[in-house]
Protein backbone atom coordinates (compact mmCIF):
# COMPACT_ATOMS: atom_id res chain seq x y z
CA MET A 1 -68.78 22.01 -150.67
CA ILE A 2 -72.40 22.84 -151.51
CA ILE A 3 -73.11 23.73 -147.89
CA ASP A 4 -70.13 26.11 -147.88
CA PHE A 5 -71.46 27.80 -151.00
CA ILE A 6 -74.94 28.16 -149.49
CA PHE A 7 -73.55 29.62 -146.26
CA THR A 8 -71.38 32.02 -148.25
CA VAL A 9 -74.32 33.23 -150.34
CA VAL A 10 -76.53 33.62 -147.25
CA GLY A 11 -73.74 35.44 -145.44
CA ILE A 12 -73.25 37.88 -148.32
CA TYR A 13 -77.03 38.44 -148.48
CA ILE A 14 -77.16 39.21 -144.75
CA ILE A 15 -74.16 41.54 -144.91
CA CYS A 16 -75.71 43.43 -147.83
CA GLY A 17 -78.99 43.53 -145.92
CA PHE A 18 -77.32 44.91 -142.81
CA VAL A 19 -75.58 47.68 -144.77
CA PHE A 20 -78.86 48.50 -146.51
CA ALA A 21 -80.77 48.43 -143.22
CA LEU A 22 -78.53 51.10 -141.73
CA ALA A 23 -79.25 53.46 -144.61
CA PHE A 24 -82.90 52.50 -144.75
CA VAL A 25 -83.54 53.06 -141.05
CA PHE A 26 -82.08 56.57 -141.16
CA LYS A 27 -83.32 57.76 -144.55
CA GLY A 28 -85.33 55.24 -146.58
CA ALA A 29 -88.16 54.50 -144.17
CA GLN A 30 -89.23 58.14 -144.09
CA VAL A 31 -89.10 58.32 -147.89
CA ILE A 32 -91.34 55.26 -148.32
CA ASP A 33 -93.69 56.03 -145.43
CA GLU A 34 -94.54 59.54 -144.22
CA GLY A 35 -95.52 58.11 -140.83
CA ALA A 36 -91.93 57.05 -140.22
CA LYS A 37 -90.65 60.61 -140.56
CA ASP A 38 -90.88 61.41 -136.85
CA SER A 39 -90.43 57.84 -135.60
CA THR A 40 -88.69 56.94 -132.36
CA TRP A 41 -85.44 55.06 -131.98
CA GLY A 42 -87.45 52.08 -130.74
CA PHE A 43 -89.31 51.89 -134.03
CA ARG A 44 -86.07 52.18 -135.99
CA ILE A 45 -84.51 49.33 -134.01
CA ILE A 46 -87.59 47.16 -134.51
CA ILE A 47 -87.52 47.49 -138.32
CA ILE A 48 -83.84 46.55 -138.67
CA PRO A 49 -84.38 42.74 -138.83
CA ALA A 50 -87.14 43.02 -141.43
CA SER A 51 -85.04 45.49 -143.40
CA ILE A 52 -82.17 42.99 -143.47
CA VAL A 53 -84.39 40.17 -144.72
CA PHE A 54 -86.47 42.13 -147.22
CA TRP A 55 -83.77 44.52 -148.42
CA PRO A 56 -84.16 43.84 -152.17
CA LEU A 57 -87.89 44.60 -152.07
CA LEU A 58 -87.44 47.68 -149.91
CA LEU A 59 -84.66 48.95 -152.17
CA ILE A 60 -86.90 48.65 -155.24
CA LYS A 61 -89.72 50.45 -153.43
CA TRP A 62 -87.35 53.17 -152.21
CA ILE A 63 -86.07 53.76 -155.75
CA ARG A 64 -89.60 53.86 -157.22
CA VAL A 65 -90.88 56.31 -154.62
CA SER A 66 -87.79 58.50 -155.00
CA LYS A 67 -88.31 58.67 -158.78
CA ILE A 68 -91.98 59.63 -158.32
CA GLN A 69 -91.09 62.32 -155.77
CA SER A 70 -88.36 63.76 -157.99
CA HIS A 71 -90.81 64.17 -160.87
CA ASP A 72 -93.29 66.12 -158.73
């Protein structure tokens, strides 16, 4: 029962991370890092796994940078 709960939570985390990674790869990476603006498809594919794992941190950073840019 505990194992099922852990797998469910991890599965939900990974699904949320995958959905976030799709948005992040196309829009968020270039907002956070200017160097990613003209990046290749190879680079975008490479950052997908890390985006899935670290999605909460990247989301916070994306929001912070977006707020700073909107005030400028």
